[in-house]
Amino acid sequence: MSAQGKSPARLKSPVSGVLCDRYVCANDKGLSRELTETYLGKKAAANEVFTSSNVDLTEFTFANGIFCDVKERLCREDRYYGANGQRSGAISKKYTKLLFGE
């Protein structure tokens, strides 16, 4: 019997330039209902994030805490700001490259 530890949700890259967690998928333009439906199914594509009019689909945090900003073309370890008003999360080279190819 194995103990179930709480490990962070893993991100998948089903094709180049696409990242998905268990809830949504995104590309270099932001969260995508079409990609979410393709890779996660219709139920996932009905996610409230796609139906709400006041959600910015170009800045998003995946279930594992990785935050990506399409305008910056960067993914970071978290979405928080420092005292100087700038994003404080360390840049994730791995996820930035997977999503933006940079």
PDB file of N, CA and C in Angstrom:
ATOM      1  N   MET A   1       0.849  -1.184   0.000  1.00  0.00           N
ATOM      2  CA  MET A   1       0.000   0.000   0.000  1.00  0.00           C
ATOM      3  C   MET A   1       0.890   1.240   0.000  1.00  0.00           C
ATOM      4  N   SER A   2       0.678   2.108  -0.952  1.00  0.00           N
ATOM      5  CA  SER A   2       1.515   3.303  -1.036  1.00  0.00           C
ATOM      6  C   SER A   2       0.787   4.505  -0.450  1.00  0.00           C
ATOM      7  N   ALA A   3       1.547   5.378   0.136  1.00  0.00           N
ATOM      8  CA  ALA A   3       0.963   6.601   0.697  1.00  0.00           C
ATOM      9  C   ALA A   3       0.750   7.602  -0.424  1.00  0.00           C
ATOM     10  N   GLN A   4      -0.370   8.240  -0.417  1.00  0.00           N
ATOM     11  CA  GLN A   4      -0.669   9.251  -1.431  1.00  0.00           C
ATOM     12  C   GLN A   4      -0.217  10.615  -0.922  1.00  0.00           C
ATOM     13  N   GLY A   5       0.924  11.067  -1.371  1.00  0.00           N
ATOM     14  CA  GLY A   5       1.398  12.394  -1.011  1.00  0.00           C
ATOM     15  C   GLY A   5       0.773  13.424  -1.928  1.00  0.00           C
ATOM     16  N   LYS A   6       0.737  14.639  -1.477  1.00  0.00           N
ATOM     17  CA  LYS A   6       0.190  15.709  -2.320  1.00  0.00           C
ATOM     18  C   LYS A   6       1.305  16.249  -3.197  1.00  0.00           C
ATOM     19  N   SER A   7       1.373  15.734  -4.404  1.00  0.00           N
ATOM     20  CA  SER A   7       2.369  16.242  -5.336  1.00  0.00           C
ATOM     21  C   SER A   7       1.701  17.278  -6.226  1.00  0.00           C
ATOM     22  N   PRO A   8       2.467  18.243  -6.694  1.00  0.00           N
ATOM     23  CA  PRO A   8       1.864  19.267  -7.549  1.00  0.00           C
ATOM     24  C   PRO A   8       1.312  18.643  -8.826  1.00  0.00           C
ATOM     25  N   ALA A   9       0.243  19.212  -9.313  1.00  0.00           N
ATOM     26  CA  ALA A   9      -0.346  18.733 -10.563  1.00  0.00           C
ATOM     27  C   ALA A   9       0.679  18.904 -11.674  1.00  0.00           C
ATOM     28  N   ARG A  10       0.775  17.913 -12.524  1.00  0.00           N
ATOM     29  CA  ARG A  10       1.752  17.972 -13.603  1.00  0.00           C
ATOM     30  C   ARG A  10       1.146  18.641 -14.823  1.00  0.00           C
ATOM     31  N   LEU A  11       1.975  19.367 -15.530  1.00  0.00           N
ATOM     32  CA  LEU A  11       1.554  19.960 -16.794  1.00  0.00           C
ATOM     33  C   LEU A  11       1.970  19.034 -17.923  1.00  0.00           C
ATOM     34  N   LYS A  12       1.109  18.944 -18.926  1.00  0.00           N
ATOM     35  CA  LYS A  12       1.402  18.133 -20.109  1.00  0.00           C
ATOM     36  C   LYS A  12       1.538  19.064 -21.300  1.00  0.00           C
ATOM     37  N   SER A  13       2.372  18.665 -22.233  1.00  0.00           N
ATOM     38  CA  SER A  13       2.498  19.381 -23.495  1.00  0.00           C
ATOM     39  C   SER A  13       2.166  18.387 -24.607  1.00  0.00           C
ATOM     40  N   PRO A  14       0.859  18.276 -24.954  1.00  0.00           N
ATOM     41  CA  PRO A  14       0.446  17.269 -25.933  1.00  0.00           C
ATOM     42  C   PRO A  14       1.024  17.500 -27.329  1.00  0.00           C
ATOM     43  N   VAL A  15       1.256  18.755 -27.681  1.00  0.00           N
ATOM     44  CA  VAL A  15       1.921  19.117 -28.934  1.00  0.00           C
ATOM     45  C   VAL A  15       2.768  20.353 -28.668  1.00  0.00           C
ATOM     46  N   SER A  16       3.685  20.635 -29.546  1.00  0.00           N
ATOM     47  CA  SER A  16       4.555  21.795 -29.389  1.00  0.00           C
ATOM     48  C   SER A  16       3.737  23.078 -29.251  1.00  0.00           C
ATOM     49  N   GLY A  17       4.083  23.891 -28.241  1.00  0.00           N
ATOM     50  CA  GLY A  17       3.418  25.175 -28.053  1.00  0.00           C
ATOM     51  C   GLY A  17       2.115  25.116 -27.283  1.00  0.00           C
ATOM     52  N   VAL A  18       1.775  23.956 -26.713  1.00  0.00           N
ATOM     53  CA  VAL A  18       0.541  23.811 -25.928  1.00  0.00           C
ATOM     54  C   VAL A  18       0.886  23.217 -24.570  1.00  0.00           C
ATOM     55  N   LEU A  19       0.340  23.823 -23.507  1.00  0.00           N
ATOM     56  CA  LEU A  19       0.468  23.288 -22.154  1.00  0.00           C
ATOM     57  C   LEU A  19      -0.922  23.060 -21.591  1.00  0.00           C
ATOM     58  N   CYS A  20      -1.108  21.946 -20.894  1.00  0.00           N
ATOM     59  CA  CYS A  20      -2.390  21.631 -20.262  1.00  0.00           C
ATOM     60  C   CYS A  20      -2.158  21.154 -18.834  1.00  0.00           C
ATOM     61  N   ASP A  21      -3.050  21.559 -17.925  1.00  0.00           N
ATOM     62  CA  ASP A  21      -3.130  20.893 -16.638  1.00  0.00           C
ATOM     63  C   ASP A  21      -4.394  20.044 -16.706  1.00  0.00           C
ATOM     64  N   ARG A  22      -4.972  19.667 -15.584  1.00  0.00           N
ATOM     65  CA  ARG A  22      -6.162  18.813 -15.674  1.00  0.00           C
ATOM     66  C   ARG A  22      -7.435  19.605 -15.942  1.00  0.00           C
ATOM     67  N   TYR A  23      -7.356  20.943 -15.968  1.00  0.00           N
ATOM     68  CA  TYR A  23      -8.543  21.777 -16.141  1.00  0.00           C
ATOM     69  C   TYR A  23      -8.595  22.543 -17.459  1.00  0.00           C
ATOM     70  N   VAL A  24      -7.460  23.058 -17.911  1.00  0.00           N
ATOM     71  CA  VAL A  24      -7.421  23.930 -19.093  1.00  0.00           C
ATOM     72  C   VAL A  24      -6.158  23.684 -19.915  1.00  0.00           C
ATOM     73  N   CYS A  25      -6.209  24.148 -21.167  1.00  0.00           N
ATOM     74  CA  CYS A  25      -5.029  24.139 -22.041  1.00  0.00           C
ATOM     75  C   CYS A  25      -4.790  25.563 -22.544  1.00  0.00           C
ATOM     76  N   ALA A  26      -3.529  25.856 -22.835  1.00  0.00           N
ATOM     77  CA  ALA A  26      -3.161  27.188 -23.314  1.00  0.00           C
ATOM     78  C   ALA A  26      -2.111  27.064 -24.407  1.00  0.00           C
ATOM     79  N   ASN A  27      -2.041  28.125 -25.222  1.00  0.00           N
ATOM     80  CA  ASN A  27      -0.961  28.255 -26.197  1.00  0.00           C
ATOM     81  C   ASN A  27      -0.366  29.647 -26.032  1.00  0.00           C
ATOM     82  N   ASP A  28       0.416  30.103 -27.001  1.00  0.00           N
ATOM     83  CA  ASP A  28       1.096  31.394 -26.854  1.00  0.00           C
ATOM     84  C   ASP A  28       0.155  32.591 -26.968  1.00  0.00           C
ATOM     85  N   LYS A  29      -1.126  32.350 -27.194  1.00  0.00           N
ATOM     86  CA  LYS A  29      -2.121  33.428 -27.219  1.00  0.00           C
ATOM     87  C   LYS A  29      -2.947  33.474 -25.931  1.00  0.00           C
ATOM     88  N   GLY A  30      -2.811  32.449 -25.082  1.00  0.00           N
ATOM     89  CA  GLY A  30      -3.536  32.411 -23.818  1.00  0.00           C
ATOM     90  C   GLY A  30      -4.325  31.130 -23.647  1.00  0.00           C
ATOM     91  N   LEU A  31      -5.209  31.131 -22.641  1.00  0.00           N
ATOM     92  CA  LEU A  31      -6.065  29.972 -22.415  1.00  0.00           C
ATOM     93  C   LEU A  31      -6.965  29.785 -23.624  1.00  0.00           C
ATOM     94  N   SER A  32      -7.176  28.540 -24.019  1.00  0.00           N
ATOM     95  CA  SER A  32      -7.919  28.252 -25.239  1.00  0.00           C
ATOM     96  C   SER A  32      -9.021  27.227 -24.993  1.00  0.00           C
ATOM     97  N   ARG A  33     -10.258  27.636 -25.267  1.00  0.00           N
ATOM     98  CA  ARG A  33     -11.383  26.712 -25.147  1.00  0.00           C
ATOM     99  C   ARG A  33     -11.226  25.568 -26.161  1.00  0.00           C
ATOM    100  N   GLU A  34     -10.808  25.899 -27.383  1.00  0.00           N
ATOM    101  CA  GLU A  34     -10.678  24.889 -28.431  1.00  0.00           C
ATOM    102  C   GLU A  34      -9.627  23.833 -28.067  1.00  0.00           C
ATOM    103  N   LEU A  35      -8.463  24.282 -27.602  1.00  0.00           N
ATOM    104  CA  LEU A  35      -7.421  23.327 -27.212  1.00  0.00           C
ATOM    105  C   LEU A  35      -7.852  22.523 -25.993  1.00  0.00           C
ATOM    106  N   THR A  36      -8.538  23.174 -25.060  1.00  0.00           N
ATOM    107  CA  THR A  36      -9.032  22.471 -23.877  1.00  0.00           C
ATOM    108  C   THR A  36      -9.992  21.365 -24.292  1.00  0.00           C
ATOM    109  N   GLU A  37     -10.902  21.670 -25.212  1.00  0.00           N
ATOM    110  CA  GLU A  37     -11.845  20.647 -25.681  1.00  0.00           C
ATOM    111  C   GLU A  37     -11.116  19.522 -26.412  1.00  0.00           C
ATOM    112  N   THR A  38     -10.145  19.875 -27.240  1.00  0.00           N
ATOM    113  CA  THR A  38      -9.399  18.869 -27.999  1.00  0.00           C
ATOM    114  C   THR A  38      -8.666  17.897 -27.086  1.00  0.00           C
ATOM    115  N   TYR A  39      -7.977  18.412 -26.076  1.00  0.00           N
ATOM    116  CA  TYR A  39      -7.113  17.568 -25.253  1.00  0.00           C
ATOM    117  C   TYR A  39      -7.735  17.103 -23.946  1.00  0.00           C
ATOM    118  N   LEU A  40      -8.759  17.806 -23.447  1.00  0.00           N
ATOM    119  CA  LEU A  40      -9.352  17.442 -22.156  1.00  0.00           C
ATOM    120  C   LEU A  40     -10.832  17.096 -22.239  1.00  0.00           C
ATOM    121  N   GLY A  41     -11.487  17.396 -23.368  1.00  0.00           N
ATOM    122  CA  GLY A  41     -12.885  17.028 -23.548  1.00  0.00           C
ATOM    123  C   GLY A  41     -13.859  18.183 -23.384  1.00  0.00           C
ATOM    124  N   LYS A  42     -15.102  17.918 -23.781  1.00  0.00           N
ATOM    125  CA  LYS A  42     -16.149  18.947 -23.761  1.00  0.00           C
ATOM    126  C   LYS A  42     -16.456  19.448 -22.356  1.00  0.00           C
ATOM    127  N   LYS A  43     -16.425  18.554 -21.380  1.00  0.00           N
ATOM    128  CA  LYS A  43     -16.735  18.962 -20.007  1.00  0.00           C
ATOM    129  C   LYS A  43     -15.720  20.001 -19.517  1.00  0.00           C
ATOM    130  N   ALA A  44     -14.457  19.774 -19.795  1.00  0.00           N
ATOM    131  CA  ALA A  44     -13.414  20.726 -19.394  1.00  0.00           C
ATOM    132  C   ALA A  44     -13.581  22.052 -20.129  1.00  0.00           C
ATOM    133  N   ALA A  45     -13.999  21.993 -21.399  1.00  0.00           N
ATOM    134  CA  ALA A  45     -14.164  23.215 -22.196  1.00  0.00           C
ATOM    135  C   ALA A  45     -15.339  24.057 -21.718  1.00  0.00           C
ATOM    136  N   ALA A  46     -16.228  23.475 -20.902  1.00  0.00           N
ATOM    137  CA  ALA A  46     -17.355  24.220 -20.342  1.00  0.00           C
ATOM    138  C   ALA A  46     -16.941  24.975 -19.076  1.00  0.00           C
ATOM    139  N   ASN A  47     -15.659  24.965 -18.761  1.00  0.00           N
ATOM    140  CA  ASN A  47     -15.109  25.639 -17.588  1.00  0.00           C
ATOM    141  C   ASN A  47     -15.565  27.098 -17.538  1.00  0.00           C
ATOM    142  N   GLU A  48     -15.906  27.537 -16.359  1.00  0.00           N
ATOM    143  CA  GLU A  48     -16.385  28.907 -16.125  1.00  0.00           C
ATOM    144  C   GLU A  48     -15.410  29.967 -16.645  1.00  0.00           C
ATOM    145  N   VAL A  49     -14.129  29.656 -16.664  1.00  0.00           N
ATOM    146  CA  VAL A  49     -13.141  30.633 -17.133  1.00  0.00           C
ATOM    147  C   VAL A  49     -13.416  31.049 -18.579  1.00  0.00           C
ATOM    148  N   PHE A  50     -14.000  30.159 -19.373  1.00  0.00           N
ATOM    149  CA  PHE A  50     -14.272  30.479 -20.773  1.00  0.00           C
ATOM    150  C   PHE A  50     -15.607  31.178 -20.977  1.00  0.00           C
ATOM    151  N   THR A  51     -16.489  31.117 -19.989  1.00  0.00           N
ATOM    152  CA  THR A  51     -17.815  31.722 -20.147  1.00  0.00           C
ATOM    153  C   THR A  51     -17.943  33.054 -19.428  1.00  0.00           C
ATOM    154  N   SER A  52     -17.024  33.360 -18.543  1.00  0.00           N
ATOM    155  CA  SER A  52     -17.060  34.625 -17.812  1.00  0.00           C
ATOM    156  C   SER A  52     -16.455  35.730 -18.675  1.00  0.00           C
ATOM    157  N   SER A  53     -17.117  36.873 -18.707  1.00  0.00           N
ATOM    158  CA  SER A  53     -16.651  37.963 -19.570  1.00  0.00           C
ATOM    159  C   SER A  53     -15.533  38.789 -18.941  1.00  0.00           C
ATOM    160  N   ASN A  54     -15.307  38.631 -17.640  1.00  0.00           N
ATOM    161  CA  ASN A  54     -14.307  39.478 -16.987  1.00  0.00           C
ATOM    162  C   ASN A  54     -13.031  38.714 -16.627  1.00  0.00           C
ATOM    163  N   VAL A  55     -12.719  37.684 -17.382  1.00  0.00           N
ATOM    164  CA  VAL A  55     -11.507  36.910 -17.138  1.00  0.00           C
ATOM    165  C   VAL A  55     -10.488  37.219 -18.234  1.00  0.00           C
ATOM    166  N   ASP A  56      -9.277  37.562 -17.812  1.00  0.00           N
ATOM    167  CA  ASP A  56      -8.189  37.813 -18.758  1.00  0.00           C
ATOM    168  C   ASP A  56      -7.543  36.472 -19.104  1.00  0.00           C
ATOM    169  N   LEU A  57      -7.758  36.003 -20.311  1.00  0.00           N
ATOM    170  CA  LEU A  57      -7.244  34.699 -20.725  1.00  0.00           C
ATOM    171  C   LEU A  57      -5.767  34.735 -21.100  1.00  0.00           C
ATOM    172  N   THR A  58      -5.133  35.916 -20.985  1.00  0.00           N
ATOM    173  CA  THR A  58      -3.718  36.033 -21.343  1.00  0.00           C
ATOM    174  C   THR A  58      -2.792  35.982 -20.128  1.00  0.00           C
ATOM    175  N   GLU A  59      -3.352  35.926 -18.924  1.00  0.00           N
ATOM    176  CA  GLU A  59      -2.587  35.739 -17.691  1.00  0.00           C
ATOM    177  C   GLU A  59      -3.277  34.624 -16.928  1.00  0.00           C
ATOM    178  N   PHE A  60      -2.557  33.562 -16.615  1.00  0.00           N
ATOM    179  CA  PHE A  60      -3.213  32.408 -16.007  1.00  0.00           C
ATOM    180  C   PHE A  60      -2.240  31.618 -15.151  1.00  0.00           C
ATOM    181  N   THR A  61      -2.798  30.924 -14.156  1.00  0.00           N
ATOM    182  CA  THR A  61      -2.032  30.068 -13.268  1.00  0.00           C
ATOM    183  C   THR A  61      -2.539  28.644 -13.421  1.00  0.00           C
ATOM    184  N   PHE A  62      -1.646  27.739 -13.749  1.00  0.00           N
ATOM    185  CA  PHE A  62      -2.010  26.330 -13.864  1.00  0.00           C
ATOM    186  C   PHE A  62      -2.181  25.721 -12.475  1.00  0.00           C
ATOM    187  N   ALA A  63      -2.760  24.538 -12.417  1.00  0.00           N
ATOM    188  CA  ALA A  63      -3.039  23.858 -11.150  1.00  0.00           C
ATOM    189  C   ALA A  63      -1.774  23.604 -10.328  1.00  0.00           C
ATOM    190  N   ASN A  64      -0.618  23.531 -10.961  1.00  0.00           N
ATOM    191  CA  ASN A  64       0.625  23.298 -10.220  1.00  0.00           C
ATOM    192  C   ASN A  64       1.279  24.592  -9.739  1.00  0.00           C
ATOM    193  N   GLY A  65       0.613  25.738  -9.953  1.00  0.00           N
ATOM    194  CA  GLY A  65       1.136  27.017  -9.478  1.00  0.00           C
ATOM    195  C   GLY A  65       1.943  27.785 -10.505  1.00  0.00           C
ATOM    196  N   ILE A  66       2.269  27.179 -11.631  1.00  0.00           N
ATOM    197  CA  ILE A  66       3.016  27.882 -12.683  1.00  0.00           C
ATOM    198  C   ILE A  66       2.115  28.964 -13.273  1.00  0.00           C
ATOM    199  N   PHE A  67       2.629  30.192 -13.302  1.00  0.00           N
ATOM    200  CA  PHE A  67       1.894  31.350 -13.812  1.00  0.00           C
ATOM    201  C   PHE A  67       2.502  31.759 -15.152  1.00  0.00           C
ATOM    202  N   CYS A  68       1.662  31.955 -16.159  1.00  0.00           N
ATOM    203  CA  CYS A  68       2.155  32.390 -17.472  1.00  0.00           C
ATOM    204  C   CYS A  68       1.466  33.678 -17.894  1.00  0.00           C
ATOM    205  N   ASP A  69       2.224  34.552 -18.523  1.00  0.00           N
ATOM    206  CA  ASP A  69       1.726  35.841 -18.994  1.00  0.00           C
ATOM    207  C   ASP A  69       2.091  35.969 -20.473  1.00  0.00           C
ATOM    208  N   VAL A  70       1.069  35.988 -21.322  1.00  0.00           N
ATOM    209  CA  VAL A  70       1.273  36.054 -22.770  1.00  0.00           C
ATOM    210  C   VAL A  70       1.944  37.366 -23.168  1.00  0.00           C
ATOM    211  N   LYS A  71       1.582  38.457 -22.499  1.00  0.00           N
ATOM    212  CA  LYS A  71       2.167  39.761 -22.845  1.00  0.00           C
ATOM    213  C   LYS A  71       3.668  39.779 -22.554  1.00  0.00           C
ATOM    214  N   GLU A  72       4.068  39.177 -21.437  1.00  0.00           N
ATOM    215  CA  GLU A  72       5.491  39.079 -21.091  1.00  0.00           C
ATOM    216  C   GLU A  72       6.185  37.949 -21.849  1.00  0.00           C
ATOM    217  N   ARG A  73       5.392  36.992 -22.351  1.00  0.00           N
ATOM    218  CA  ARG A  73       5.900  35.773 -22.982  1.00  0.00           C
ATOM    219  C   ARG A  73       6.823  35.025 -22.030  1.00  0.00           C
ATOM    220  N   LEU A  74       6.350  34.907 -20.778  1.00  0.00           N
ATOM    221  CA  LEU A  74       7.105  34.223 -19.731  1.00  0.00           C
ATOM    222  C   LEU A  74       6.177  33.374 -18.877  1.00  0.00           C
ATOM    223  N   CYS A  75       6.729  32.294 -18.349  1.00  0.00           N
ATOM    224  CA  CYS A  75       6.063  31.531 -17.298  1.00  0.00           C
ATOM    225  C   CYS A  75       6.942  31.628 -16.060  1.00  0.00           C
ATOM    226  N   ARG A  76       6.296  31.752 -14.912  1.00  0.00           N
ATOM    227  CA  ARG A  76       7.014  31.914 -13.649  1.00  0.00           C
ATOM    228  C   ARG A  76       6.580  30.843 -12.653  1.00  0.00           C
ATOM    229  N   GLU A  77       7.372  30.688 -11.606  1.00  0.00           N
ATOM    230  CA  GLU A  77       7.079  29.694 -10.574  1.00  0.00           C
ATOM    231  C   GLU A  77       5.835  30.056  -9.759  1.00  0.00           C
ATOM    232  N   ASP A  78       5.486  31.339  -9.707  1.00  0.00           N
ATOM    233  CA  ASP A  78       4.256  31.756  -9.027  1.00  0.00           C
ATOM    234  C   ASP A  78       3.791  33.081  -9.603  1.00  0.00           C
ATOM    235  N   ARG A  79       2.628  33.559  -9.147  1.00  0.00           N
ATOM    236  CA  ARG A  79       2.011  34.748  -9.736  1.00  0.00           C
ATOM    237  C   ARG A  79       2.144  36.000  -8.873  1.00  0.00           C
ATOM    238  N   TYR A  80       2.942  35.944  -7.837  1.00  0.00           N
ATOM    239  CA  TYR A  80       2.971  37.023  -6.862  1.00  0.00           C
ATOM    240  C   TYR A  80       3.862  38.192  -7.271  1.00  0.00           C
ATOM    241  N   TYR A  81       3.609  39.320  -6.619  1.00  0.00           N
ATOM    242  CA  TYR A  81       4.378  40.545  -6.846  1.00  0.00           C
ATOM    243  C   TYR A  81       5.285  40.806  -5.657  1.00  0.00           C
ATOM    244  N   GLY A  82       6.418  41.437  -5.914  1.00  0.00           N
ATOM    245  CA  GLY A  82       7.318  41.858  -4.860  1.00  0.00           C
ATOM    246  C   GLY A  82       6.937  43.243  -4.367  1.00  0.00           C
ATOM    247  N   ALA A  83       7.668  43.750  -3.377  1.00  0.00           N
ATOM    248  CA  ALA A  83       7.400  45.067  -2.802  1.00  0.00           C
ATOM    249  C   ALA A  83       7.558  46.177  -3.835  1.00  0.00           C
ATOM    250  N   ASN A  84       8.334  45.928  -4.880  1.00  0.00           N
ATOM    251  CA  ASN A  84       8.572  46.939  -5.913  1.00  0.00           C
ATOM    252  C   ASN A  84       7.475  46.971  -6.982  1.00  0.00           C
ATOM    253  N   GLY A  85       6.448  46.122  -6.826  1.00  0.00           N
ATOM    254  CA  GLY A  85       5.352  46.103  -7.789  1.00  0.00           C
ATOM    255  C   GLY A  85       5.621  45.256  -9.019  1.00  0.00           C
ATOM    256  N   GLN A  86       6.793  44.643  -9.073  1.00  0.00           N
ATOM    257  CA  GLN A  86       7.151  43.763 -10.189  1.00  0.00           C
ATOM    258  C   GLN A  86       6.871  42.313  -9.796  1.00  0.00           C
ATOM    259  N   ARG A  87       6.622  41.478 -10.781  1.00  0.00           N
ATOM    260  CA  ARG A  87       6.411  40.054 -10.489  1.00  0.00           C
ATOM    261  C   ARG A  87       7.668  39.496  -9.826  1.00  0.00           C
ATOM    262  N   SER A  88       7.458  38.709  -8.779  1.00  0.00           N
ATOM    263  CA  SER A  88       8.589  38.215  -8.000  1.00  0.00           C
ATOM    264  C   SER A  88       8.908  36.747  -8.256  1.00  0.00           C
ATOM    265  N   GLY A  89       8.029  36.019  -8.915  1.00  0.00           N
ATOM    266  CA  GLY A  89       8.263  34.595  -9.155  1.00  0.00           C
ATOM    267  C   GLY A  89       9.442  34.364 -10.076  1.00  0.00           C
ATOM    268  N   ALA A  90      10.235  33.368  -9.740  1.00  0.00           N
ATOM    269  CA  ALA A  90      11.375  33.015 -10.584  1.00  0.00           C
ATOM    270  C   ALA A  90      10.866  32.549 -11.946  1.00  0.00           C
ATOM    271  N   ILE A  91      11.547  32.934 -12.992  1.00  0.00           N
ATOM    272  CA  ILE A  91      11.157  32.533 -14.347  1.00  0.00           C
ATOM    273  C   ILE A  91      11.390  31.033 -14.515  1.00  0.00           C
ATOM    274  N   SER A  92      10.389  30.355 -15.030  1.00  0.00           N
ATOM    275  CA  SER A  92      10.497  28.928 -15.325  1.00  0.00           C
ATOM    276  C   SER A  92      10.927  28.771 -16.781  1.00  0.00           C
ATOM    277  N   LYS A  93      12.206  28.490 -16.975  1.00  0.00           N
ATOM    278  CA  LYS A  93      12.719  28.324 -18.342  1.00  0.00           C
ATOM    279  C   LYS A  93      12.042  27.150 -19.026  1.00  0.00           C
ATOM    280  N   LYS A  94      11.791  26.082 -18.272  1.00  0.00           N
ATOM    281  CA  LYS A  94      11.176  24.876 -18.831  1.00  0.00           C
ATOM    282  C   LYS A  94       9.805  25.188 -19.430  1.00  0.00           C
ATOM    283  N   TYR A  95       8.919  25.796 -18.645  1.00  0.00           N
ATOM    284  CA  TYR A  95       7.557  26.033 -19.122  1.00  0.00           C
ATOM    285  C   TYR A  95       7.480  27.202 -20.099  1.00  0.00           C
ATOM    286  N   THR A  96       8.361  28.192 -19.954  1.00  0.00           N
ATOM    287  CA  THR A  96       8.414  29.279 -20.935  1.00  0.00           C
ATOM    288  C   THR A  96       8.768  28.707 -22.305  1.00  0.00           C
ATOM    289  N   LYS A  97       9.741  27.810 -22.342  1.00  0.00           N
ATOM    290  CA  LYS A  97      10.151  27.204 -23.617  1.00  0.00           C
ATOM    291  C   LYS A  97       9.040  26.325 -24.187  1.00  0.00           C
ATOM    292  N   LEU A  98       8.377  25.540 -23.337  1.00  0.00           N
ATOM    293  CA  LEU A  98       7.304  24.665 -23.819  1.00  0.00           C
ATOM    294  C   LEU A  98       6.140  25.462 -24.397  1.00  0.00           C
ATOM    295  N   LEU A  99       5.796  26.582 -23.761  1.00  0.00           N
ATOM    296  CA  LEU A  99       4.634  27.348 -24.199  1.00  0.00           C
ATOM    297  C   LEU A  99       4.969  28.334 -25.317  1.00  0.00           C
ATOM    298  N   PHE A 100       6.069  29.041 -25.171  1.00  0.00           N
ATOM    299  CA  PHE A 100       6.398  30.117 -26.113  1.00  0.00           C
ATOM    300  C   PHE A 100       7.533  29.762 -27.077  1.00  0.00           C
ATOM    301  N   GLY A 101       8.207  28.654 -26.840  1.00  0.00           N
ATOM    302  CA  GLY A 101       9.303  28.252 -27.714  1.00  0.00           C
ATOM    303  C   GLY A 101      10.518  29.140 -27.585  1.00  0.00           C
ATOM    304  N   GLU A 102      10.642  29.828 -26.464  1.00  0.00           N
ATOM    305  CA  GLU A 102      11.760  30.771 -26.276  1.00  0.00           C
ATOM    306  C   GLU A 102      12.651  30.332 -25.137  1.00  0.00           C
TER     307      GLU A 102
END
